[in-house]
Amino acid sequence: MAAQATLHCLTGCAIGEVLGMIIGTALGWGNLPTMVLAIVLAFFFGYSLTLRGVLRAGVDFRTAFRVALAADTLSIAVMELIDNGVILIWPSAMDAMLSDALFWVSLAVSLVIAFLVTTPVNKWTIGRGKGHAVVHQYHH
């Protein structure tokens, strides 16, 4: 269950992270604004995927939003911390362009490492009835 929750989180984070990095890099933004955009979009898409599923279960938006915050905040935060941390310490990764293999390889590897680190965090929170465990009552 923890791996499935982390994969769900990874999907939203990866969409936002990749989109943010692509937009920032394509627009020639500096590293800090690009990373901030990527993190904001990762949270947006991570929460959006959960919201979509909970709303489909017939829950009102306010309740669904609270469920998404409770379910995903720690998972997304850990994933983003690890993912962006790897990119920051990877030599030249922050300066790689979209056409560079380094851009894509470092991004992919950072997301894999983030998945591996975040899975035990999700296991811990689910074991305590928190995190992604709060979403399961809304799954069909």
N, C-alpha and C. Protein backbone atom coordinates (compact mmCIF):
# COMPACT_ATOMS: atom_id res chain seq x y z
N MET A 1 0.83 -1.19 0.00
CA MET A 1 0.00 0.00 0.00
C MET A 1 0.88 1.26 0.00
N ALA A 2 1.99 1.23 0.73
CA ALA A 2 2.88 2.39 0.78
C ALA A 2 3.50 2.66 -0.59
N ALA A 3 3.90 1.61 -1.28
CA ALA A 3 4.50 1.79 -2.61
C ALA A 3 3.46 2.35 -3.58
N GLN A 4 2.23 1.89 -3.47
CA GLN A 4 1.16 2.40 -4.34
C GLN A 4 0.89 3.88 -4.04
N ALA A 5 0.86 4.23 -2.75
CA ALA A 5 0.65 5.64 -2.37
C ALA A 5 1.79 6.50 -2.88
N THR A 6 3.02 5.98 -2.78
CA THR A 6 4.18 6.74 -3.24
C THR A 6 4.17 6.87 -4.75
N LEU A 7 3.77 5.83 -5.45
CA LEU A 7 3.67 5.90 -6.91
C LEU A 7 2.64 6.94 -7.32
N HIS A 8 1.53 7.00 -6.60
CA HIS A 8 0.50 8.02 -6.85
C HIS A 8 1.11 9.42 -6.66
N CYS A 9 1.83 9.58 -5.56
CA CYS A 9 2.47 10.86 -5.25
C CYS A 9 3.53 11.19 -6.31
N LEU A 10 4.30 10.18 -6.68
CA LEU A 10 5.35 10.37 -7.68
C LEU A 10 4.76 10.85 -9.01
N THR A 11 3.61 10.33 -9.37
CA THR A 11 2.98 10.72 -10.64
C THR A 11 2.69 12.22 -10.65
N GLY A 12 2.03 12.71 -9.62
CA GLY A 12 1.72 14.14 -9.56
C GLY A 12 2.98 14.99 -9.45
N CYS A 13 3.91 14.54 -8.60
CA CYS A 13 5.16 15.29 -8.43
C CYS A 13 5.96 15.32 -9.73
N ALA A 14 6.03 14.20 -10.41
CA ALA A 14 6.81 14.13 -11.65
C ALA A 14 6.20 15.04 -12.72
N ILE A 15 4.88 15.03 -12.83
CA ILE A 15 4.24 15.92 -13.82
C ILE A 15 4.62 17.37 -13.53
N GLY A 16 4.44 17.78 -12.29
CA GLY A 16 4.75 19.16 -11.91
C GLY A 16 6.21 19.49 -12.00
N GLU A 17 7.04 18.56 -11.52
CA GLU A 17 8.49 18.78 -11.51
C GLU A 17 9.03 18.92 -12.93
N VAL A 18 8.66 17.98 -13.78
CA VAL A 18 9.14 18.00 -15.17
C VAL A 18 8.61 19.24 -15.89
N LEU A 19 7.33 19.53 -15.74
CA LEU A 19 6.75 20.70 -16.39
C LEU A 19 7.43 21.98 -15.91
N GLY A 20 7.63 22.11 -14.61
CA GLY A 20 8.30 23.29 -14.06
C GLY A 20 9.71 23.45 -14.57
N MET A 21 10.46 22.34 -14.59
CA MET A 21 11.84 22.39 -15.08
C MET A 21 11.88 22.74 -16.57
N ILE A 22 10.95 22.17 -17.33
CA ILE A 22 10.90 22.46 -18.77
C ILE A 22 10.55 23.94 -19.00
N ILE A 23 9.53 24.43 -18.31
CA ILE A 23 9.13 25.83 -18.50
C ILE A 23 10.25 26.77 -18.10
N GLY A 24 10.80 26.58 -16.90
CA GLY A 24 11.86 27.46 -16.42
C GLY A 24 13.10 27.42 -17.30
N THR A 25 13.48 26.23 -17.72
CA THR A 25 14.66 26.08 -18.58
C THR A 25 14.42 26.69 -19.95
N ALA A 26 13.25 26.41 -20.52
CA ALA A 26 12.92 26.95 -21.85
C ALA A 26 12.86 28.47 -21.85
N LEU A 27 12.41 29.05 -20.74
CA LEU A 27 12.30 30.51 -20.65
C LEU A 27 13.62 31.16 -20.22
N GLY A 28 14.63 30.33 -19.95
CA GLY A 28 15.92 30.85 -19.56
C GLY A 28 15.96 31.42 -18.15
N TRP A 29 15.04 30.96 -17.31
CA TRP A 29 15.01 31.42 -15.93
C TRP A 29 16.23 30.91 -15.18
N GLY A 30 16.55 31.55 -14.09
CA GLY A 30 17.62 31.09 -13.23
C GLY A 30 17.20 29.84 -12.47
N ASN A 31 18.15 29.28 -11.76
CA ASN A 31 17.89 28.03 -11.05
C ASN A 31 16.83 28.16 -9.96
N LEU A 32 16.89 29.22 -9.17
CA LEU A 32 15.94 29.36 -8.07
C LEU A 32 14.49 29.51 -8.55
N PRO A 33 14.19 30.43 -9.48
CA PRO A 33 12.79 30.52 -9.92
C PRO A 33 12.30 29.25 -10.63
N THR A 34 13.20 28.59 -11.35
CA THR A 34 12.82 27.34 -12.01
C THR A 34 12.47 26.28 -10.99
N MET A 35 13.28 26.16 -9.95
CA MET A 35 13.04 25.15 -8.92
C MET A 35 11.76 25.48 -8.14
N VAL A 36 11.54 26.75 -7.84
CA VAL A 36 10.32 27.14 -7.12
C VAL A 36 9.10 26.80 -7.96
N LEU A 37 9.13 27.11 -9.25
CA LEU A 37 8.02 26.76 -10.13
C LEU A 37 7.79 25.25 -10.14
N ALA A 38 8.85 24.48 -10.25
CA ALA A 38 8.74 23.02 -10.28
C ALA A 38 8.11 22.49 -8.99
N ILE A 39 8.50 23.04 -7.86
CA ILE A 39 7.96 22.59 -6.58
C ILE A 39 6.48 22.97 -6.46
N VAL A 40 6.15 24.20 -6.82
CA VAL A 40 4.74 24.63 -6.77
C VAL A 40 3.88 23.75 -7.66
N LEU A 41 4.35 23.48 -8.87
CA LEU A 41 3.58 22.63 -9.79
C LEU A 41 3.51 21.19 -9.29
N ALA A 42 4.56 20.70 -8.64
CA ALA A 42 4.53 19.34 -8.09
C ALA A 42 3.44 19.23 -7.03
N PHE A 43 3.37 20.20 -6.13
CA PHE A 43 2.30 20.19 -5.13
C PHE A 43 0.93 20.32 -5.79
N PHE A 44 0.82 21.22 -6.77
CA PHE A 44 -0.46 21.41 -7.46
C PHE A 44 -0.95 20.11 -8.10
N PHE A 45 -0.08 19.46 -8.87
CA PHE A 45 -0.51 18.24 -9.56
C PHE A 45 -0.67 17.07 -8.59
N GLY A 46 0.16 17.01 -7.57
CA GLY A 46 0.02 15.96 -6.55
C GLY A 46 -1.33 16.05 -5.86
N TYR A 47 -1.67 17.25 -5.39
CA TYR A 47 -2.98 17.45 -4.75
C TYR A 47 -4.12 17.24 -5.75
N SER A 48 -3.94 17.70 -6.98
CA SER A 48 -5.00 17.60 -7.99
C SER A 48 -5.39 16.15 -8.27
N LEU A 49 -4.41 15.27 -8.33
CA LEU A 49 -4.72 13.86 -8.59
C LEU A 49 -5.56 13.27 -7.46
N THR A 50 -5.22 13.60 -6.24
CA THR A 50 -6.00 13.12 -5.10
C THR A 50 -7.39 13.75 -5.10
N LEU A 51 -7.44 15.05 -5.33
CA LEU A 51 -8.73 15.75 -5.37
C LEU A 51 -9.66 15.12 -6.40
N ARG A 52 -9.11 14.82 -7.55
CA ARG A 52 -9.93 14.22 -8.62
C ARG A 52 -10.59 12.94 -8.15
N GLY A 53 -9.82 12.07 -7.51
CA GLY A 53 -10.37 10.80 -7.05
C GLY A 53 -11.37 10.96 -5.93
N VAL A 54 -11.10 11.84 -4.99
CA VAL A 54 -12.00 12.04 -3.86
C VAL A 54 -13.29 12.72 -4.31
N LEU A 55 -13.18 13.69 -5.20
CA LEU A 55 -14.39 14.35 -5.73
C LEU A 55 -15.25 13.35 -6.50
N ARG A 56 -14.62 12.43 -7.19
CA ARG A 56 -15.36 11.40 -7.93
C ARG A 56 -16.19 10.52 -7.00
N ALA A 57 -15.77 10.43 -5.74
CA ALA A 57 -16.51 9.63 -4.75
C ALA A 57 -17.73 10.39 -4.22
N GLY A 58 -17.95 11.62 -4.72
CA GLY A 58 -19.13 12.38 -4.34
C GLY A 58 -18.95 13.30 -3.15
N VAL A 59 -17.71 13.55 -2.77
CA VAL A 59 -17.42 14.41 -1.63
C VAL A 59 -17.40 15.87 -2.10
N ASP A 60 -17.83 16.79 -1.23
CA ASP A 60 -17.80 18.21 -1.59
C ASP A 60 -16.34 18.68 -1.69
N PHE A 61 -16.12 19.80 -2.39
CA PHE A 61 -14.77 20.28 -2.66
C PHE A 61 -13.99 20.57 -1.39
N ARG A 62 -14.61 21.23 -0.44
CA ARG A 62 -13.91 21.60 0.80
C ARG A 62 -13.39 20.37 1.54
N THR A 63 -14.23 19.35 1.67
CA THR A 63 -13.82 18.11 2.32
C THR A 63 -12.74 17.42 1.50
N ALA A 64 -12.92 17.38 0.19
CA ALA A 64 -11.93 16.74 -0.69
C ALA A 64 -10.58 17.44 -0.58
N PHE A 65 -10.60 18.76 -0.51
CA PHE A 65 -9.35 19.52 -0.39
C PHE A 65 -8.65 19.19 0.93
N ARG A 66 -9.40 19.11 2.00
CA ARG A 66 -8.83 18.74 3.31
C ARG A 66 -8.24 17.33 3.28
N VAL A 67 -8.95 16.42 2.63
CA VAL A 67 -8.45 15.05 2.51
C VAL A 67 -7.15 15.04 1.73
N ALA A 68 -7.09 15.78 0.62
CA ALA A 68 -5.87 15.84 -0.19
C ALA A 68 -4.71 16.40 0.60
N LEU A 69 -4.95 17.46 1.36
CA LEU A 69 -3.88 18.04 2.19
C LEU A 69 -3.39 17.02 3.22
N ALA A 70 -4.32 16.36 3.89
CA ALA A 70 -3.95 15.38 4.91
C ALA A 70 -3.23 14.18 4.30
N ALA A 71 -3.67 13.77 3.13
CA ALA A 71 -3.13 12.56 2.51
C ALA A 71 -1.76 12.77 1.89
N ASP A 72 -1.54 13.95 1.30
CA ASP A 72 -0.38 14.10 0.43
C ASP A 72 0.71 15.07 0.87
N THR A 73 0.44 15.92 1.83
CA THR A 73 1.41 16.97 2.14
C THR A 73 2.78 16.43 2.53
N LEU A 74 2.84 15.53 3.49
CA LEU A 74 4.13 15.01 3.93
C LEU A 74 4.82 14.24 2.80
N SER A 75 4.07 13.43 2.08
CA SER A 75 4.63 12.64 0.99
C SER A 75 5.21 13.54 -0.10
N ILE A 76 4.47 14.54 -0.51
CA ILE A 76 4.96 15.45 -1.56
C ILE A 76 6.16 16.23 -1.05
N ALA A 77 6.09 16.70 0.19
CA ALA A 77 7.20 17.49 0.74
C ALA A 77 8.50 16.68 0.78
N VAL A 78 8.41 15.43 1.24
CA VAL A 78 9.61 14.58 1.28
C VAL A 78 10.11 14.32 -0.13
N MET A 79 9.17 13.99 -1.02
CA MET A 79 9.57 13.70 -2.40
C MET A 79 10.25 14.91 -3.04
N GLU A 80 9.71 16.09 -2.82
CA GLU A 80 10.30 17.30 -3.40
C GLU A 80 11.65 17.63 -2.77
N LEU A 81 11.76 17.44 -1.47
CA LEU A 81 13.03 17.69 -0.79
C LEU A 81 14.14 16.78 -1.35
N ILE A 82 13.83 15.51 -1.49
CA ILE A 82 14.83 14.56 -2.00
C ILE A 82 15.11 14.81 -3.48
N ASP A 83 14.06 14.92 -4.26
CA ASP A 83 14.20 15.12 -5.70
C ASP A 83 15.04 16.36 -5.99
N ASN A 84 14.67 17.48 -5.41
CA ASN A 84 15.39 18.72 -5.67
C ASN A 84 16.77 18.72 -5.03
N GLY A 85 16.90 18.06 -3.90
CA GLY A 85 18.21 17.93 -3.27
C GLY A 85 19.20 17.19 -4.15
N VAL A 86 18.73 16.11 -4.77
CA VAL A 86 19.59 15.34 -5.69
C VAL A 86 20.01 16.20 -6.87
N ILE A 87 19.06 16.92 -7.44
CA ILE A 87 19.36 17.80 -8.58
C ILE A 87 20.37 18.87 -8.18
N LEU A 88 20.20 19.42 -6.97
CA LEU A 88 21.11 20.48 -6.51
C LEU A 88 22.54 19.99 -6.32
N ILE A 89 22.71 18.76 -5.81
CA ILE A 89 24.07 18.28 -5.55
C ILE A 89 24.69 17.56 -6.75
N TRP A 90 23.89 17.25 -7.76
CA TRP A 90 24.41 16.58 -8.97
C TRP A 90 25.20 17.61 -9.77
N PRO A 91 26.49 17.38 -9.97
CA PRO A 91 27.30 18.37 -10.69
C PRO A 91 26.71 18.72 -12.07
N SER A 92 26.52 19.99 -12.29
CA SER A 92 26.04 20.58 -13.55
C SER A 92 24.58 20.29 -13.89
N ALA A 93 23.86 19.55 -13.06
CA ALA A 93 22.47 19.22 -13.38
C ALA A 93 21.60 20.47 -13.45
N MET A 94 21.82 21.41 -12.56
CA MET A 94 21.00 22.63 -12.55
C MET A 94 21.28 23.51 -13.76
N ASP A 95 22.39 23.31 -14.41
CA ASP A 95 22.72 24.13 -15.58
C ASP A 95 22.47 23.41 -16.90
N ALA A 96 21.97 22.18 -16.83
CA ALA A 96 21.72 21.40 -18.05
C ALA A 96 20.52 21.98 -18.79
N MET A 97 20.58 21.92 -20.08
CA MET A 97 19.51 22.41 -20.94
C MET A 97 18.60 21.24 -21.35
N LEU A 98 17.43 21.56 -21.89
CA LEU A 98 16.48 20.53 -22.29
C LEU A 98 17.07 19.53 -23.29
N SER A 99 17.98 20.00 -24.11
CA SER A 99 18.58 19.13 -25.13
C SER A 99 19.72 18.28 -24.59
N ASP A 100 20.11 18.48 -23.34
CA ASP A 100 21.20 17.71 -22.72
C ASP A 100 20.67 16.44 -22.08
N ALA A 101 21.36 15.34 -22.33
CA ALA A 101 20.99 14.08 -21.67
C ALA A 101 21.05 14.24 -20.15
N LEU A 102 21.98 15.04 -19.66
CA LEU A 102 22.12 15.24 -18.21
C LEU A 102 20.84 15.78 -17.59
N PHE A 103 20.13 16.66 -18.30
CA PHE A 103 18.87 17.21 -17.79
C PHE A 103 17.90 16.07 -17.49
N TRP A 104 17.71 15.18 -18.46
CA TRP A 104 16.72 14.11 -18.35
C TRP A 104 17.19 12.99 -17.43
N VAL A 105 18.46 12.63 -17.50
CA VAL A 105 18.99 11.55 -16.65
C VAL A 105 18.94 11.97 -15.19
N SER A 106 19.42 13.17 -14.88
CA SER A 106 19.43 13.61 -13.48
C SER A 106 18.01 13.74 -12.93
N LEU A 107 17.09 14.20 -13.75
CA LEU A 107 15.70 14.32 -13.32
C LEU A 107 15.09 12.94 -13.05
N ALA A 108 15.33 12.00 -13.95
CA ALA A 108 14.80 10.63 -13.77
C ALA A 108 15.40 9.96 -12.54
N VAL A 109 16.71 10.06 -12.38
CA VAL A 109 17.37 9.43 -11.23
C VAL A 109 16.90 10.08 -9.94
N SER A 110 16.75 11.40 -9.93
CA SER A 110 16.30 12.08 -8.71
C SER A 110 14.89 11.64 -8.31
N LEU A 111 14.03 11.40 -9.29
CA LEU A 111 12.68 10.94 -8.99
C LEU A 111 12.68 9.51 -8.47
N VAL A 112 13.55 8.67 -8.99
CA VAL A 112 13.66 7.29 -8.49
C VAL A 112 14.15 7.29 -7.04
N ILE A 113 15.17 8.08 -6.75
CA ILE A 113 15.69 8.18 -5.38
C ILE A 113 14.60 8.73 -4.46
N ALA A 114 13.87 9.74 -4.91
CA ALA A 114 12.79 10.31 -4.11
C ALA A 114 11.72 9.26 -3.82
N PHE A 115 11.40 8.43 -4.79
CA PHE A 115 10.44 7.34 -4.59
C PHE A 115 10.93 6.38 -3.51
N LEU A 116 12.20 6.00 -3.59
CA LEU A 116 12.76 5.04 -2.64
C LEU A 116 12.80 5.59 -1.21
N VAL A 117 13.04 6.88 -1.07
CA VAL A 117 13.08 7.50 0.25
C VAL A 117 11.66 7.75 0.79
N THR A 118 10.74 8.12 -0.08
CA THR A 118 9.39 8.48 0.34
C THR A 118 8.53 7.27 0.68
N THR A 119 8.79 6.12 0.07
CA THR A 119 7.98 4.93 0.34
C THR A 119 7.97 4.56 1.83
N PRO A 120 9.11 4.50 2.52
CA PRO A 120 9.04 4.19 3.96
C PRO A 120 8.32 5.28 4.78
N VAL A 121 8.40 6.53 4.33
CA VAL A 121 7.66 7.60 5.01
C VAL A 121 6.17 7.34 4.89
N ASN A 122 5.73 6.97 3.69
CA ASN A 122 4.31 6.66 3.50
C ASN A 122 3.90 5.41 4.28
N LYS A 123 4.78 4.43 4.34
CA LYS A 123 4.48 3.23 5.12
C LYS A 123 4.27 3.60 6.58
N TRP A 124 5.12 4.46 7.10
CA TRP A 124 5.03 4.89 8.49
C TRP A 124 3.72 5.65 8.74
N THR A 125 3.36 6.58 7.84
CA THR A 125 2.14 7.37 8.06
C THR A 125 0.88 6.51 7.89
N ILE A 126 0.89 5.62 6.91
CA ILE A 126 -0.26 4.74 6.70
C ILE A 126 -0.44 3.83 7.91
N GLY A 127 0.66 3.34 8.46
CA GLY A 127 0.61 2.48 9.65
C GLY A 127 0.00 3.17 10.86
N ARG A 128 0.00 4.47 10.85
CA ARG A 128 -0.58 5.26 11.94
C ARG A 128 -1.94 5.84 11.57
N GLY A 129 -2.49 5.38 10.44
CA GLY A 129 -3.81 5.85 10.02
C GLY A 129 -3.80 7.26 9.46
N LYS A 130 -2.63 7.74 9.08
CA LYS A 130 -2.48 9.10 8.54
C LYS A 130 -2.05 9.03 7.09
N GLY A 131 -1.73 10.19 6.52
CA GLY A 131 -1.23 10.23 5.15
C GLY A 131 -2.23 9.66 4.18
N HIS A 132 -1.76 8.81 3.31
CA HIS A 132 -2.60 8.26 2.25
C HIS A 132 -3.70 7.36 2.78
N ALA A 133 -3.58 6.92 4.03
CA ALA A 133 -4.62 6.07 4.62
C ALA A 133 -5.97 6.79 4.68
N VAL A 134 -5.95 8.12 4.80
CA VAL A 134 -7.22 8.87 4.90
C VAL A 134 -7.98 8.88 3.57
N VAL A 135 -7.29 8.57 2.48
CA VAL A 135 -7.93 8.59 1.16
C VAL A 135 -8.67 7.28 0.87
N HIS A 136 -8.25 6.19 1.48
CA HIS A 136 -8.76 4.87 1.11
C HIS A 136 -10.27 4.70 1.28
N GLN A 137 -10.86 5.41 2.20
CA GLN A 137 -12.30 5.30 2.34
C GLN A 137 -13.07 5.87 1.15
N TYR A 138 -12.37 6.65 0.31
CA TYR A 138 -12.99 7.26 -0.85
C TYR A 138 -12.72 6.51 -2.16
N HIS A 139 -11.89 5.50 -2.10
CA HIS A 139 -11.59 4.71 -3.30
C HIS A 139 -12.71 3.72 -3.58
N HIS A 140 -12.95 3.54 -4.86
CA HIS A 140 -13.98 2.56 -5.26
C HIS A 140 -13.33 1.34 -5.84
